[in-house]
Amino acid sequence: MTLTLSRVTLPVLLAATLLSSCARRPQATTTAASTAISTPTPAAAPEPIATAPPAPVAKPAPVVGDLSAAQWYLKDPRLDKVPGVGASRAYSELLQTLAPQAVIVAVIDSGIDTAHVDLKPMLWTNPREIPRNGIDDDKNGYVDDVHGWNFLGGADGRNINAETLEMTRIVAAGRTRFKGKTAATVKPADKAAYALYVKAEKAYTARLKEETERSQQVESMTGPITQMVEGMKQALGVTVLDTTALRNVKTDDPNLRRATAGMLEMMRQTGATDADALLKELNAGVKQERSMIENSLNLKFNPRADIVKDNPNDLTERYYGNNDIHGPDPMHGTHVSGIIAAVRENNLGVQGIAPNVVRIMTVRAVPDGDERDKDVANAIRYAVDNGAQIINMSFGKEFSPQRQAVEAAFKYAASKNVLLVHAAGNENANLDVTNNYPASFYINKTTVPNLLTIGASGPRDNAHSRPTSRTTARKPWTCLLPVWPSTTPCPAAPSATKAAPAWPRP
C-alpha cells in the first residue's frame, strides 16, 4: 500500500529468518498444496532453477557484541527488558556451536539499494544468468535477472513509482461499467462485481473526503509551525531546538511553556530529534498528502498503461517488467532487507538478524500506492521458481479483486515448502474481522499453513509502535498541536482540540 517512512518494517517481522537459517523449513501439508481453486489461475510456472546457494560455513555463528540503541531489535525481552526478537541471546546460547545453513530470502517490496555497503555482499545472484548481455541465459522468461526482477517496470527501462489505491481502480472501472445500474438491474453474473464496486465506492468517497481535509490541514500548518520554531529558537537563544533545550526551558510565560510542551509532544510522537527534523517530517507529510490526492485517489491516474504496458486483467501474463530492482525509491525494501541480512561483521550500520550465509533476492512489486494482485502473485512465483525458501511481504491493502491469483501463488509456494511472512498492517485492526490483503486465510476460510502474519514491535512496549508494512502511516499532525487552534476532533488527545493562542504572540 502507500508508503512513507513511516515505511518501516520492524524486525519481529523476520524472526522467522533467524530460525529458518539454522533449521529445516516447515513442511506444507499435502492438502494445502493440492487444494484447487476457481478461475482465474496463472499459467503453469517453469521448473525451479538450481540456484546454488552459498555453502554452509563450517564455523560457529558470530556472537553479537555490544548493541547500540538502534539495534534494540536484536535484544531479548526477558534479559534486556526490550521487546526485540532475542537474536543476541539465540546466537550466544543456542547457535554458538552450530554452522548456519544457507537460505535465500525473497523480499517483495519497493526495490533495494544494490550498492548499499551493508547489503551488496548479501545479494542473491542468479548463477545461470550472465549480467548485462541482454539474453535470457537461464530461459526462465526474465532477461538479465541477476539479483531479482521488477514487475513495476517497462521494457524501455522506465519504472512506476506512484500508483493508485486498489479502491480507486475498482471505482474508476465500476463507474464506467455500472453507470446507471442498480443491484436490481445488473446481470446475475455481474452481481459480485457490482457489490465490490459499491463497497469500494463508499470507501473511496470517505477516503477522498478525509484526505482532502487532511491535506488542507497539514498544508495550513506548515507556515505557522515553521514560524513558531524560529520564534522559539530566538527566544531561547539556540540554533538547534532539540529535546534537551526544550526540557531545560525556564520561563514564566504560559504561552512559551505551552509551546514547549507541544513541541516536545510532537517530537515524541513523530520520533523527531529536533525541531528541524520535525519540520522535515511535516514537509514530507505535505508532499505525501499531495501525492495521495493527485495520484493514489486520482481516478484518471494510470501510469501502468504507459510504462508496463501489460494487461492488468490477464492473470496468465507473467513475463513483463524489467531487471531494475533498485527502482525510483528503494528505501523501504532496503530497510527491510537490512533487518534481515545487513552484514554483521563489518562494524558498520546495524547487524542483520540472519548470519552471512543468507542471501536476499529482490522482487519489486510494491509501488507508492497499492500493489496489484497480479504482480504479487507473479512475484511469489518468481521467488519460488528461483530458489527462495522464505518470502517477506511487508505490504497490505483493503481490497483484493484478483485474490484467487494470489491464493494460487500461496498454494504454489506451499507445494514447494516455502515460508511466507506477511505484515499485519499499520491500522491496529483485528484481522479476523477487518480486510487486509494478502489475507492469512483463504476465501473458503481455511488458514494458509505456510504463512506467518506479524505485527509491530518497537524499542519500548507501548502504543506507539512503528508500522509493520509499506502502508501509509499518517502523522496525526492535527492532534499534536496543543499550542495551535484546531477544530478537528482528536479522540486520542482531546486537549488538542482546545483552542490556544499561538506562540510567540504578535
Protein backbone atom coordinates (compact mmCIF):
# COMPACT_ATOMS: atom_id res chain seq x y z
CA MET A 1 0.00 0.00 0.00
CA THR A 2 1.01 3.65 0.04
CA LEU A 3 4.25 4.44 1.81
CA THR A 4 6.19 6.95 3.77
CA LEU A 5 8.95 6.40 6.26
CA SER A 6 6.88 5.50 8.26
CA ARG A 7 7.80 2.99 5.62
CA VAL A 8 9.31 0.84 8.25
CA THR A 9 9.06 -2.89 8.72
CA LEU A 10 10.16 -3.92 12.18
CA PRO A 11 12.50 -6.78 12.98
CA VAL A 12 9.95 -9.02 14.65
CA LEU A 13 8.51 -9.42 11.17
CA LEU A 14 11.54 -11.51 10.33
CA ALA A 15 12.17 -13.61 13.39
CA ALA A 16 11.38 -16.48 11.04
CA THR A 17 14.51 -15.63 9.08
CA LEU A 18 16.76 -16.32 12.04
CA LEU A 19 15.07 -19.63 12.80
CA SER A 20 14.97 -20.76 9.20
CA SER A 21 18.63 -20.01 8.65
CA CYS A 22 19.54 -22.63 11.20
CA ALA A 23 16.72 -25.14 10.93
CA ARG A 24 14.69 -27.12 8.46
CA ARG A 25 11.95 -25.31 6.62
CA PRO A 26 8.38 -26.12 7.67
CA GLN A 27 6.65 -28.84 5.71
CA ALA A 28 3.45 -27.75 3.99
CA THR A 29 0.54 -30.14 4.22
CA THR A 30 -0.43 -32.17 1.19
CA THR A 31 -3.98 -30.91 1.43
CA ALA A 32 -2.93 -27.28 1.31
CA ALA A 33 -0.62 -27.91 -1.60
CA SER A 34 -3.20 -29.67 -3.71
CA THR A 35 -6.39 -27.73 -2.98
CA ALA A 36 -7.93 -26.49 -6.23
CA ILE A 37 -9.38 -23.02 -6.64
CA SER A 38 -11.75 -21.43 -9.09
CA THR A 39 -10.57 -19.50 -12.11
CA PRO A 40 -8.70 -17.38 -12.96
CA THR A 41 -5.43 -19.22 -12.40
CA PRO A 42 -1.98 -18.10 -13.65
CA ALA A 43 -0.26 -20.14 -16.31
CA ALA A 44 1.91 -23.04 -15.22
CA ALA A 45 5.24 -21.95 -13.81
CA PRO A 46 8.57 -23.17 -15.22
CA GLU A 47 10.57 -25.77 -13.40
CA PRO A 48 12.60 -24.38 -10.47
CA ILE A 49 16.17 -23.36 -11.18
CA ALA A 50 19.11 -24.78 -9.31
CA THR A 51 20.23 -21.63 -7.56
CA ALA A 52 23.37 -22.98 -5.91
CA PRO A 53 23.10 -21.05 -2.65
CA PRO A 54 26.32 -20.40 -0.77
CA ALA A 55 27.75 -23.41 1.01
CA PRO A 56 27.32 -23.71 4.80
CA VAL A 57 30.03 -22.03 6.79
CA ALA A 58 31.86 -24.51 8.98
CA LYS A 59 32.38 -22.17 11.90
CA PRO A 60 30.31 -21.03 14.85
CA ALA A 61 27.75 -18.32 14.28
CA PRO A 62 29.07 -14.89 15.35
CA VAL A 63 28.28 -13.71 18.83
CA VAL A 64 26.56 -10.36 18.97
CA GLY A 65 28.68 -7.85 20.83
CA ASP A 66 27.62 -4.61 22.47
CA LEU A 67 24.45 -3.31 20.89
CA SER A 68 23.59 0.30 20.28
CA ALA A 69 20.14 1.69 20.94
CA ALA A 70 19.49 1.49 17.20
CA GLN A 71 19.83 -2.28 17.40
CA TRP A 72 17.19 -2.80 20.06
CA TYR A 73 15.52 -5.43 17.86
CA LEU A 74 18.38 -7.89 18.50
CA LYS A 75 17.85 -7.74 22.25
CA ASP A 76 15.89 -10.12 24.42
CA PRO A 77 12.57 -9.25 26.10
CA ARG A 78 13.38 -11.19 29.26
CA LEU A 79 17.08 -10.44 29.76
CA ASP A 80 17.28 -6.93 28.33
CA LYS A 81 13.70 -5.81 29.07
CA VAL A 82 13.46 -4.68 25.45
CA PRO A 83 10.84 -6.15 23.07
CA GLY A 84 13.33 -7.38 20.49
CA VAL A 85 13.44 -10.80 18.84
CA GLY A 86 16.13 -12.20 21.14
CA ALA A 87 18.68 -12.66 18.35
CA SER A 88 21.68 -11.85 20.54
CA ARG A 89 20.60 -14.40 23.11
CA ALA A 90 19.88 -17.00 20.44
CA TYR A 91 23.36 -16.60 18.97
CA SER A 92 25.12 -16.81 22.32
CA GLU A 93 23.04 -19.59 23.88
CA LEU A 94 21.63 -21.72 21.08
CA LEU A 95 23.66 -21.24 17.91
CA GLN A 96 27.20 -20.83 19.16
CA THR A 97 28.33 -24.29 18.06
CA LEU A 98 26.10 -24.68 15.00
CA ALA A 99 27.03 -23.97 11.40
CA PRO A 100 24.29 -21.85 9.81
CA GLN A 101 22.66 -23.28 6.72
CA ALA A 102 22.35 -21.26 3.53
CA VAL A 103 18.94 -19.67 2.95
CA ILE A 104 17.54 -17.43 0.23
CA VAL A 105 15.02 -14.83 1.40
CA ALA A 106 12.99 -13.08 -1.27
CA VAL A 107 11.89 -9.56 -0.36
CA ILE A 108 8.84 -8.47 -2.33
CA ASP A 109 8.90 -4.74 -1.85
CA SER A 110 9.71 -1.36 -3.38
CA GLY A 111 13.21 -2.34 -4.53
CA ILE A 112 16.64 -2.36 -2.93
CA ASP A 113 19.76 -0.21 -2.97
CA THR A 114 22.07 -2.73 -4.61
CA ALA A 115 25.13 -0.58 -3.89
CA HIS A 116 24.49 -0.32 -0.14
CA VAL A 117 27.69 -1.29 1.67
CA ASP A 118 25.78 -3.36 4.23
CA LEU A 119 23.75 -5.25 1.63
CA LYS A 120 25.83 -5.58 -1.54
CA PRO A 121 27.64 -8.74 -0.32
CA MET A 122 24.32 -10.27 0.75
CA LEU A 123 22.51 -10.11 -2.60
CA TRP A 124 21.32 -13.33 -4.18
CA THR A 125 22.92 -13.85 -7.58
CA ASN A 126 21.31 -15.95 -10.27
CA PRO A 127 24.11 -18.42 -11.12
CA ARG A 128 22.73 -19.17 -14.57
CA GLU A 129 22.36 -15.59 -15.79
CA ILE A 130 25.18 -13.65 -17.46
CA PRO A 131 24.91 -10.00 -16.42
CA ARG A 132 24.02 -7.28 -18.91
CA ASN A 133 24.20 -9.37 -22.08
CA GLY A 134 20.55 -8.83 -22.98
CA ILE A 135 19.90 -12.56 -23.17
CA ASP A 136 17.66 -14.79 -21.06
CA ASP A 137 20.52 -17.20 -20.37
CA ASP A 138 18.64 -19.42 -17.93
CA LYS A 139 15.48 -19.46 -20.10
CA ASN A 140 13.23 -18.55 -17.16
CA GLY A 141 11.48 -15.80 -19.11
CA TYR A 142 13.29 -12.87 -17.47
CA VAL A 143 16.25 -11.24 -19.22
CA ASP A 144 19.30 -10.41 -17.08
CA ASP A 145 17.54 -11.12 -13.78
CA VAL A 146 20.86 -11.25 -11.98
CA HIS A 147 19.64 -10.30 -8.49
CA GLY A 148 15.88 -10.47 -8.96
CA TRP A 149 13.11 -8.92 -11.05
CA ASN A 150 10.95 -5.80 -11.28
CA PHE A 151 7.27 -6.26 -12.13
CA LEU A 152 6.70 -2.49 -12.00
CA GLY A 153 8.94 -1.65 -14.93
CA GLY A 154 8.68 -1.26 -18.67
CA ALA A 155 10.75 -2.81 -21.42
CA ASP A 156 12.22 0.64 -22.09
CA GLY A 157 13.71 0.80 -18.57
CA ARG A 158 11.17 3.17 -17.04
CA ASN A 159 9.55 2.35 -13.71
CA ILE A 160 6.34 3.02 -11.81
CA ASN A 161 6.74 4.88 -8.55
CA ALA A 162 3.34 6.36 -7.59
CA GLU A 163 0.23 4.25 -8.17
CA THR A 164 -3.45 4.36 -7.34
CA LEU A 165 -5.10 2.63 -4.41
CA GLU A 166 -6.99 -0.55 -5.23
CA MET A 167 -10.27 1.11 -4.27
CA THR A 168 -9.52 3.85 -6.80
CA ARG A 169 -9.03 1.31 -9.57
CA ILE A 170 -12.24 -0.51 -8.66
CA VAL A 171 -14.23 2.74 -8.60
CA ALA A 172 -12.75 4.01 -11.88
CA ALA A 173 -13.72 0.79 -13.66
CA GLY A 174 -17.05 0.45 -11.85
CA ARG A 175 -18.31 3.93 -12.69
CA THR A 176 -17.93 3.09 -16.36
CA ARG A 177 -19.16 -0.48 -16.19
CA PHE A 178 -22.13 0.08 -13.90
CA LYS A 179 -23.22 3.57 -14.89
CA GLY A 180 -26.99 3.83 -14.38
CA LYS A 181 -27.20 0.30 -12.92
CA THR A 182 -28.55 -0.82 -9.57
CA ALA A 183 -28.35 -4.07 -7.67
CA ALA A 184 -31.73 -4.97 -9.14
CA THR A 185 -30.77 -4.27 -12.76
CA VAL A 186 -27.28 -5.74 -13.07
CA LYS A 187 -26.98 -9.16 -14.65
CA PRO A 188 -26.71 -12.11 -12.24
CA ALA A 189 -23.17 -12.79 -13.44
CA ASP A 190 -22.18 -9.21 -12.54
CA LYS A 191 -23.71 -9.03 -9.06
CA ALA A 192 -20.49 -9.90 -7.20
CA ALA A 193 -18.50 -7.32 -9.18
CA TYR A 194 -21.24 -4.74 -8.60
CA ALA A 195 -21.28 -5.39 -4.87
CA LEU A 196 -17.49 -4.94 -4.76
CA TYR A 197 -17.83 -1.69 -6.68
CA VAL A 198 -20.48 -0.35 -4.29
CA LYS A 199 -18.29 -1.21 -1.29
CA ALA A 200 -15.25 0.41 -2.89
CA GLU A 201 -17.26 3.49 -3.88
CA LYS A 202 -18.32 4.02 -0.28
CA ALA A 203 -14.76 3.58 1.00
CA TYR A 204 -13.37 5.81 -1.75
CA THR A 205 -15.78 8.65 -1.09
CA ALA A 206 -14.96 8.61 2.63
CA ARG A 207 -11.23 8.38 2.00
CA LEU A 208 -11.22 11.20 -0.55
CA LYS A 209 -13.05 13.48 1.88
CA GLU A 210 -10.71 12.53 4.71
CA GLU A 211 -7.54 13.02 2.69
CA THR A 212 -8.71 16.30 1.20
CA GLU A 213 -9.39 17.72 4.65
CA ARG A 214 -6.13 16.34 5.99
CA SER A 215 -4.17 17.80 3.10
CA GLN A 216 -5.64 21.23 3.72
CA GLN A 217 -4.90 20.98 7.44
CA VAL A 218 -1.30 19.85 7.02
CA GLU A 219 -0.54 22.48 4.40
CA SER A 220 -2.09 25.20 6.54
CA MET A 221 0.14 24.23 9.47
CA THR A 222 3.47 24.30 7.64
CA GLY A 223 3.96 28.07 7.74
CA PRO A 224 2.75 28.67 11.31
CA ILE A 225 4.81 25.83 12.79
CA THR A 226 7.90 26.97 10.87
CA GLN A 227 7.38 30.48 12.25
CA MET A 228 6.85 29.11 15.75
CA VAL A 229 10.10 27.10 15.60
CA GLU A 230 12.10 30.15 14.51
CA GLY A 231 10.50 32.28 17.23
CA MET A 232 11.31 29.70 19.91
CA LYS A 233 14.93 29.48 18.75
CA GLN A 234 15.29 33.25 19.05
CA ALA A 235 13.56 33.40 22.43
CA LEU A 236 15.74 30.61 23.84
CA GLY A 237 18.93 31.75 22.14
CA VAL A 238 19.63 28.39 20.48
CA THR A 239 20.32 27.31 16.92
CA VAL A 240 19.20 23.72 17.50
CA LEU A 241 15.84 23.28 19.17
CA ASP A 242 16.20 19.72 20.46
CA THR A 243 14.64 17.89 23.37
CA THR A 244 17.42 18.93 25.74
CA ALA A 245 16.89 22.62 25.02
CA LEU A 246 13.13 22.26 25.36
CA ARG A 247 13.25 20.37 28.66
CA ASN A 248 15.58 22.98 30.16
CA VAL A 249 13.30 25.93 29.37
CA LYS A 250 12.65 28.11 32.42
CA THR A 251 10.04 30.77 31.80
CA ASP A 252 7.04 32.42 33.40
CA ASP A 253 5.38 32.92 30.01
CA PRO A 254 2.47 30.43 29.92
CA ASN A 255 2.37 30.52 26.12
CA LEU A 256 6.05 29.63 25.85
CA ARG A 257 5.54 26.81 28.35
CA ARG A 258 2.58 25.58 26.30
CA ALA A 259 4.59 25.84 23.06
CA THR A 260 7.48 23.94 24.64
CA ALA A 261 5.21 21.14 25.83
CA GLY A 262 3.54 20.94 22.43
CA MET A 263 6.86 20.78 20.60
CA LEU A 264 8.13 18.01 22.86
CA GLU A 265 4.93 16.05 22.29
CA MET A 266 5.23 16.40 18.53
CA MET A 267 8.83 15.20 18.67
CA ARG A 268 7.88 12.25 20.83
CA GLN A 269 5.07 11.06 18.59
CA THR A 270 6.95 11.58 15.33
CA GLY A 271 10.34 10.38 16.55
CA ALA A 272 11.98 13.66 15.51
CA THR A 273 15.22 14.51 17.34
CA ASP A 274 14.88 18.27 16.99
CA ALA A 275 12.56 20.91 15.58
CA ASP A 276 14.30 20.99 12.20
CA ALA A 277 13.76 17.25 11.84
CA LEU A 278 10.14 17.81 12.81
CA LEU A 279 9.74 20.41 10.07
CA LYS A 280 11.30 18.00 7.61
CA GLU A 281 8.73 15.40 8.64
CA LEU A 282 5.94 17.94 8.25
CA ASN A 283 7.09 18.93 4.77
CA ALA A 284 7.31 15.26 3.84
CA GLY A 285 3.75 14.92 5.12
CA VAL A 286 2.64 17.75 2.85
CA LYS A 287 4.25 16.00 -0.11
CA GLN A 288 2.66 12.73 0.89
CA GLU A 289 -0.80 14.22 1.16
CA ARG A 290 -0.47 15.85 -2.26
CA SER A 291 0.56 12.51 -3.76
CA MET A 292 -2.41 10.83 -2.12
CA ILE A 293 -4.82 13.27 -3.77
CA GLU A 294 -3.03 13.66 -7.11
CA ASN A 295 -2.06 10.01 -7.58
CA SER A 296 -3.46 7.42 -5.19
CA LEU A 297 -7.03 8.75 -5.26
CA ASN A 298 -6.98 10.10 -8.81
CA LEU A 299 -9.50 8.15 -10.90
CA LYS A 300 -7.71 9.12 -14.13
CA PHE A 301 -4.17 8.30 -12.98
CA ASN A 302 -2.87 5.19 -14.75
CA PRO A 303 0.93 5.09 -15.09
CA ARG A 304 0.90 1.36 -15.77
CA ALA A 305 -0.73 1.74 -19.18
CA ASP A 306 2.15 3.94 -20.32
CA ILE A 307 5.05 2.21 -18.58
CA VAL A 308 4.44 -1.51 -18.07
CA LYS A 309 2.01 -1.84 -20.99
CA ASP A 310 0.68 -5.21 -19.88
CA ASN A 311 -2.94 -6.22 -19.47
CA PRO A 312 -3.58 -5.96 -15.71
CA ASN A 313 -6.60 -8.24 -16.04
CA ASP A 314 -4.73 -11.05 -17.79
CA LEU A 315 -3.63 -13.18 -14.86
CA THR A 316 -1.86 -15.67 -17.12
CA GLU A 317 0.62 -13.00 -18.18
CA ARG A 318 3.88 -13.44 -16.32
CA TYR A 319 6.76 -12.19 -18.40
CA TYR A 320 6.69 -8.41 -18.19
CA GLY A 321 8.72 -5.77 -16.34
CA ASN A 322 12.48 -5.23 -16.32
CA ASN A 323 15.56 -6.08 -14.29
CA ASP A 324 15.87 -2.73 -12.46
CA ILE A 325 15.42 -3.92 -8.87
CA HIS A 326 16.52 -0.56 -7.47
CA GLY A 327 13.53 1.39 -8.75
CA PRO A 328 12.71 5.07 -8.11
CA ASP A 329 12.56 4.77 -4.31
CA PRO A 330 14.10 1.64 -2.76
CA MET A 331 14.15 2.96 0.82
CA HIS A 332 11.56 0.61 2.28
CA GLY A 333 12.89 -2.51 0.58
CA THR A 334 16.43 -1.59 1.62
CA HIS A 335 15.30 -1.12 5.22
CA VAL A 336 13.54 -4.48 5.28
CA SER A 337 16.49 -6.24 3.69
CA GLY A 338 18.86 -4.66 6.21
CA ILE A 339 16.84 -6.03 9.09
CA ILE A 340 17.14 -9.48 7.58
CA ALA A 341 20.70 -9.51 6.35
CA ALA A 342 22.82 -6.39 6.94
CA VAL A 343 26.44 -7.55 7.22
CA ARG A 344 27.12 -8.47 10.82
CA GLU A 345 30.91 -8.37 10.91
CA ASN A 346 31.83 -5.02 9.32
CA ASN A 347 31.09 -2.73 12.30
CA LEU A 348 29.03 -0.51 10.01
CA GLY A 349 25.40 0.43 10.48
CA VAL A 350 23.32 -2.29 12.06
CA GLN A 351 23.55 -6.07 12.20
CA GLY A 352 21.08 -8.17 10.28
CA ILE A 353 19.20 -10.88 12.10
CA ALA A 354 20.44 -13.72 9.90
CA PRO A 355 24.10 -14.81 9.56
CA ASN A 356 26.20 -14.19 6.48
CA VAL A 357 25.06 -17.23 4.53
CA VAL A 358 21.65 -15.62 3.97
CA ARG A 359 21.08 -14.12 0.54
CA ILE A 360 18.47 -11.53 -0.43
CA MET A 361 16.52 -11.94 -3.65
CA THR A 362 14.73 -8.73 -4.57
CA VAL A 363 11.39 -8.75 -6.36
CA ARG A 364 9.97 -5.29 -6.97
CA ALA A 365 6.15 -5.26 -6.91
CA VAL A 366 5.17 -2.61 -4.32
CA PRO A 367 4.73 0.98 -5.55
CA ASP A 368 3.84 4.15 -3.69
CA GLY A 369 0.20 3.16 -3.75
CA ASP A 370 -1.49 -0.24 -3.69
CA GLU A 371 0.27 -3.23 -5.17
CA ARG A 372 -1.66 -5.20 -7.78
CA ASP A 373 -2.72 -8.78 -7.11
CA LYS A 374 -1.28 -9.88 -10.43
CA ASP A 375 2.16 -8.54 -9.52
CA VAL A 376 2.07 -10.09 -6.05
CA ALA A 377 1.15 -13.48 -7.49
CA ASN A 378 3.87 -13.29 -10.13
CA ALA A 379 6.43 -12.07 -7.60
CA ILE A 380 5.74 -15.05 -5.34
CA ARG A 381 6.00 -17.49 -8.24
CA TYR A 382 9.23 -15.88 -9.45
CA ALA A 383 10.75 -16.15 -5.98
CA VAL A 384 9.72 -19.79 -5.56
CA ASP A 385 10.92 -20.80 -9.02
CA ASN A 386 14.31 -19.24 -8.41
CA GLY A 387 15.02 -20.93 -5.10
CA ALA A 388 13.67 -18.67 -2.35
CA GLN A 389 12.91 -20.54 0.87
CA ILE A 390 11.34 -17.58 2.67
CA ILE A 391 9.35 -14.74 1.12
CA ASN A 392 8.87 -11.49 3.03
CA MET A 393 5.83 -9.37 2.13
CA SER A 394 5.75 -6.12 4.04
CA PHE A 395 2.71 -4.55 2.41
CA GLY A 396 -1.07 -4.72 2.50
CA LYS A 397 -4.31 -3.24 1.23
CA GLU A 398 -8.06 -3.14 1.88
CA PHE A 399 -9.34 -4.62 -1.40
CA SER A 400 -8.15 -7.61 -3.43
CA PRO A 401 -10.24 -8.06 -6.60
CA GLN A 402 -7.95 -10.77 -8.01
CA ARG A 403 -7.49 -12.59 -4.74
CA GLN A 404 -7.73 -16.01 -6.39
CA ALA A 405 -4.46 -15.40 -8.24
CA VAL A 406 -2.63 -14.57 -5.03
CA GLU A 407 -4.07 -17.61 -3.27
CA ALA A 408 -2.97 -19.82 -6.16
CA ALA A 409 0.55 -18.44 -5.70
CA PHE A 410 0.33 -19.10 -1.94
CA LYS A 411 -0.54 -22.72 -2.65
CA TYR A 412 2.25 -22.99 -5.17
CA ALA A 413 4.69 -21.74 -2.52
CA ALA A 414 3.26 -24.26 -0.05
CA SER A 415 3.81 -27.07 -2.54
CA LYS A 416 7.50 -26.15 -2.59
CA ASN A 417 7.76 -25.77 1.22
CA VAL A 418 8.33 -22.01 1.03
CA LEU A 419 7.51 -19.91 4.10
CA LEU A 420 5.56 -16.68 3.58
CA VAL A 421 5.90 -13.82 6.09
CA HIS A 422 3.34 -11.02 5.84
CA ALA A 423 2.89 -7.75 7.73
CA ALA A 424 -0.30 -7.31 9.73
CA GLY A 425 -0.61 -3.69 8.61
CA ASN A 426 -0.48 -0.26 10.21
CA GLU A 427 -4.10 0.20 11.19
CA ASN A 428 -4.11 -1.66 14.52
CA ALA A 429 -7.02 -3.68 13.18
CA ASN A 430 -8.33 -7.10 14.17
CA LEU A 431 -7.56 -9.06 11.02
CA ASP A 432 -10.12 -11.70 11.93
CA VAL A 433 -12.82 -9.17 11.08
CA THR A 434 -11.02 -6.49 9.03
CA ASN A 435 -9.80 -6.93 5.47
CA ASN A 436 -6.04 -6.76 4.96
CA TYR A 437 -4.70 -8.45 1.87
CA PRO A 438 -2.96 -10.74 1.24
CA ALA A 439 -5.11 -12.40 3.90
CA SER A 440 -3.89 -15.07 6.32
CA PHE A 441 -6.78 -17.33 5.34
CA TYR A 442 -8.20 -18.50 2.04
CA ILE A 443 -11.53 -17.48 0.55
CA ASN A 444 -13.02 -20.68 1.99
CA LYS A 445 -11.83 -19.50 5.45
CA THR A 446 -9.19 -22.21 5.86
CA THR A 447 -5.84 -21.00 7.16
CA VAL A 448 -2.76 -20.66 4.99
CA PRO A 449 -0.42 -23.27 6.52
CA ASN A 450 2.83 -21.70 5.28
CA LEU A 451 2.05 -18.08 6.22
CA LEU A 452 3.09 -16.04 9.26
CA THR A 453 1.26 -12.75 9.82
CA ILE A 454 3.37 -10.48 12.02
CA GLY A 455 2.52 -7.32 13.96
CA ALA A 456 4.68 -4.39 15.02
CA SER A 457 7.22 -4.00 17.77
CA GLY A 458 9.38 -1.15 18.98
CA PRO A 459 12.17 -0.29 21.40
CA ARG A 460 9.54 0.30 24.08
CA ASP A 461 6.49 -1.82 24.67
CA ASN A 462 3.79 0.82 24.26
CA ALA A 463 1.04 2.04 21.99
CA HIS A 464 3.39 4.00 19.74
CA SER A 465 4.97 1.07 17.89
CA ARG A 466 6.17 1.79 14.40
CA PRO A 467 4.30 0.50 11.35
CA THR A 468 4.95 -3.02 10.06
CA SER A 469 4.30 -2.62 6.37
CA ARG A 470 4.79 -0.32 3.46
CA THR A 471 1.40 1.18 4.14
CA THR A 472 0.64 4.82 4.74
CA ALA A 473 1.00 5.64 8.42
CA ARG A 474 -0.36 9.13 8.74
CA LYS A 475 1.22 11.59 11.11
CA PRO A 476 -1.59 12.82 13.40
CA TRP A 477 -0.46 16.41 12.96
CA THR A 478 -3.76 17.99 13.87
CA CYS A 479 -3.76 16.09 17.16
CA LEU A 480 -0.28 17.24 18.13
CA LEU A 481 -0.88 20.94 18.37
CA PRO A 482 -1.89 21.98 21.89
CA VAL A 483 -0.27 25.34 21.08
CA TRP A 484 -2.31 25.95 17.97
CA PRO A 485 -6.07 26.38 17.47
CA SER A 486 -7.66 23.31 15.98
CA THR A 487 -11.26 22.37 15.29
CA THR A 488 -10.50 18.80 14.27
CA PRO A 489 -11.72 16.25 16.84
CA CYS A 490 -8.90 14.12 18.20
CA PRO A 491 -10.37 11.41 20.44
CA ALA A 492 -6.94 10.15 21.44
CA ALA A 493 -5.87 13.60 22.59
CA PRO A 494 -8.92 15.69 23.49
CA SER A 495 -6.83 18.55 24.85
CA ALA A 496 -5.56 19.16 21.33
CA THR A 497 -9.00 20.32 20.27
CA LYS A 498 -8.96 23.24 22.68
CA ALA A 499 -8.04 26.49 21.01
CA ALA A 500 -4.97 28.16 22.45
CA PRO A 501 -3.07 31.26 21.40
CA ALA A 502 -0.13 30.63 19.16
CA TRP A 503 3.34 31.38 20.43
CA PRO A 504 5.07 33.74 20.17
CA ARG A 505 2.32 36.28 20.47
CA PRO A 506 2.35 39.14 17.94
